[in-house]
Structure formats: C-alpha cells, structure tokens
Amino acid sequence: MLVFYMIPVALGSWFRGLYFGLIVAAISGFVRFYADFNTYADFTFKRGVCVLEDEIFLLMIVIMTLMVRMMLGKSRTFLC
C-alpha cells in the first residue's frame, strides 16, 4: 500500500521541487503512521521502526525523482 503514498510524493517533487516534495513526504509519512496506529491495537517498537523505514523510503523517492528530472533536463535548478 506504500505505492499510494509514493505517488503524491513523486508528483509533488517532480512538478513543484524539493521543498514541496519534502513536505508531501512528511505529510504522507504522518498519514501512514496515523493509519497504522489506528489499525493495530498494540503499537510496538517494531511497527514504529517500520513507519520510520517508510518515511525514509518516501524521502528517497523525493531525491530520486528530482535526480531523474535533472537528468532529463526538465529543470534548471534543484531547489525550485
């Protein structure tokens, strides 16, 4: 289900830039955390680590999307 959180992150960072992508990644990570927290009765350390891994994955999506955008020549700057 992480792909549904990845799509807005990739689109946001592609069309709006780094800062917007980071904001969308943080919001998507929080929404994922909230959904997991309300789904499971016991929120253990292992589930917390999984949420952290998901957030790191979303941040990597932002970086990789911007790198691909730069390689394709569709962006003049990295931070716009």
C-alpha atoms as a PDB file:
ATOM      1  CA  MET A   1       0.000   0.000   0.000  1.00  0.00           C
ATOM      2  CA  LEU A   2       3.011   2.278   0.228  1.00  0.00           C
ATOM      3  CA  VAL A   3       2.752   2.946  -3.506  1.00  0.00           C
ATOM      4  CA  PHE A   4      -0.368   5.043  -2.849  1.00  0.00           C
ATOM      5  CA  TYR A   5       1.686   7.262  -0.558  1.00  0.00           C
ATOM      6  CA  MET A   6       4.546   7.331  -3.050  1.00  0.00           C
ATOM      7  CA  ILE A   7       2.516   8.697  -5.989  1.00  0.00           C
ATOM      8  CA  PRO A   8       1.759  12.160  -4.488  1.00  0.00           C
ATOM      9  CA  VAL A   9       5.346  12.418  -3.252  1.00  0.00           C
ATOM     10  CA  ALA A  10       6.776  11.706  -6.701  1.00  0.00           C
ATOM     11  CA  LEU A  11       4.328  14.016  -8.480  1.00  0.00           C
ATOM     12  CA  GLY A  12       4.803  16.810  -5.946  1.00  0.00           C
ATOM     13  CA  SER A  13       8.565  16.709  -6.152  1.00  0.00           C
ATOM     14  CA  TRP A  14       8.523  16.439  -9.952  1.00  0.00           C
ATOM     15  CA  PHE A  15       6.280  19.446 -10.569  1.00  0.00           C
ATOM     16  CA  ARG A  16       6.950  21.645  -7.530  1.00  0.00           C
ATOM     17  CA  GLY A  17      10.518  20.902  -6.439  1.00  0.00           C
ATOM     18  CA  LEU A  18      12.469  19.728  -3.430  1.00  0.00           C
ATOM     19  CA  TYR A  19      10.775  21.592  -0.605  1.00  0.00           C
ATOM     20  CA  PHE A  20       7.257  20.733  -1.710  1.00  0.00           C
ATOM     21  CA  GLY A  21       8.288  17.096  -2.149  1.00  0.00           C
ATOM     22  CA  LEU A  22       9.718  17.009   1.368  1.00  0.00           C
ATOM     23  CA  ILE A  23       6.537  18.489   2.794  1.00  0.00           C
ATOM     24  CA  VAL A  24       4.362  15.983   0.941  1.00  0.00           C
ATOM     25  CA  ALA A  25       6.651  13.148   2.076  1.00  0.00           C
ATOM     26  CA  ALA A  26       6.334  14.247   5.700  1.00  0.00           C
ATOM     27  CA  ILE A  27       2.551  14.509   5.414  1.00  0.00           C
ATOM     28  CA  SER A  28       2.334  11.127   3.693  1.00  0.00           C
ATOM     29  CA  GLY A  29       4.511   9.586   6.383  1.00  0.00           C
ATOM     30  CA  PHE A  30       2.301  11.053   9.107  1.00  0.00           C
ATOM     31  CA  VAL A  31      -0.850   9.784   7.388  1.00  0.00           C
ATOM     32  CA  ARG A  32       0.734   6.339   7.073  1.00  0.00           C
ATOM     33  CA  PHE A  33       1.647   6.431  10.773  1.00  0.00           C
ATOM     34  CA  TYR A  34      -1.878   7.505  11.719  1.00  0.00           C
ATOM     35  CA  ALA A  35      -3.435   4.751   9.608  1.00  0.00           C
ATOM     36  CA  ASP A  36      -1.137   2.115  11.126  1.00  0.00           C
ATOM     37  CA  PHE A  37      -1.700   3.413  14.642  1.00  0.00           C
ATOM     38  CA  ASN A  38      -5.484   3.223  14.282  1.00  0.00           C
ATOM     39  CA  THR A  39      -5.392  -0.175  12.570  1.00  0.00           C
ATOM     40  CA  TYR A  40      -3.393  -2.084  15.168  1.00  0.00           C
ATOM     41  CA  ALA A  41      -4.378  -2.420  18.819  1.00  0.00           C
ATOM     42  CA  ASP A  42      -0.779  -2.643  20.036  1.00  0.00           C
ATOM     43  CA  PHE A  43       1.740  -0.231  18.572  1.00  0.00           C
ATOM     44  CA  THR A  44       5.054  -1.905  19.295  1.00  0.00           C
ATOM     45  CA  PHE A  45       8.609  -0.784  18.645  1.00  0.00           C
ATOM     46  CA  LYS A  46       8.773  -2.987  15.543  1.00  0.00           C
ATOM     47  CA  ARG A  47       5.833  -1.186  13.968  1.00  0.00           C
ATOM     48  CA  GLY A  48       7.456   2.144  14.824  1.00  0.00           C
ATOM     49  CA  VAL A  49      10.636   1.094  13.034  1.00  0.00           C
ATOM     50  CA  CYS A  50       8.563   0.070  10.008  1.00  0.00           C
ATOM     51  CA  VAL A  51       6.943   3.510   9.940  1.00  0.00           C
ATOM     52  CA  LEU A  52      10.394   5.109  10.121  1.00  0.00           C
ATOM     53  CA  GLU A  53      11.562   2.923   7.237  1.00  0.00           C
ATOM     54  CA  ASP A  54       8.535   4.006   5.212  1.00  0.00           C
ATOM     55  CA  GLU A  55       9.329   7.675   5.871  1.00  0.00           C
ATOM     56  CA  ILE A  56      12.946   7.186   4.768  1.00  0.00           C
ATOM     57  CA  PHE A  57      11.671   5.440   1.639  1.00  0.00           C
ATOM     58  CA  LEU A  58       9.398   8.389   0.836  1.00  0.00           C
ATOM     59  CA  LEU A  59      12.283  10.827   1.309  1.00  0.00           C
ATOM     60  CA  MET A  60      14.417   8.751  -1.046  1.00  0.00           C
ATOM     61  CA  ILE A  61      11.597   8.920  -3.612  1.00  0.00           C
ATOM     62  CA  VAL A  62      11.796  12.728  -3.446  1.00  0.00           C
ATOM     63  CA  ILE A  63      15.537  12.687  -4.062  1.00  0.00           C
ATOM     64  CA  MET A  64      15.396  10.110  -6.857  1.00  0.00           C
ATOM     65  CA  THR A  65      12.526  11.900  -8.602  1.00  0.00           C
ATOM     66  CA  LEU A  66      14.466  15.156  -8.602  1.00  0.00           C
ATOM     67  CA  MET A  67      17.594  13.420  -9.867  1.00  0.00           C
ATOM     68  CA  VAL A  68      15.690  11.885 -12.771  1.00  0.00           C
ATOM     69  CA  ARG A  69      14.110  15.256 -13.515  1.00  0.00           C
ATOM     70  CA  MET A  70      17.540  16.899 -13.618  1.00  0.00           C
ATOM     71  CA  MET A  71      18.972  14.160 -15.837  1.00  0.00           C
ATOM     72  CA  LEU A  72      16.158  14.592 -18.307  1.00  0.00           C
ATOM     73  CA  GLY A  73      16.890  18.313 -18.477  1.00  0.00           C
ATOM     74  CA  LYS A  74      13.442  19.460 -17.437  1.00  0.00           C
ATOM     75  CA  SER A  75      14.704  21.512 -14.504  1.00  0.00           C
ATOM     76  CA  ARG A  76      17.116  24.411 -14.392  1.00  0.00           C
ATOM     77  CA  THR A  77      17.699  24.257 -10.651  1.00  0.00           C
ATOM     78  CA  PHE A  78      17.470  21.579  -7.998  1.00  0.00           C
ATOM     79  CA  LEU A  79      15.721  23.718  -5.384  1.00  0.00           C
ATOM     80  CA  CYS A  80      12.984  25.447  -7.363  1.00  0.00           C
END
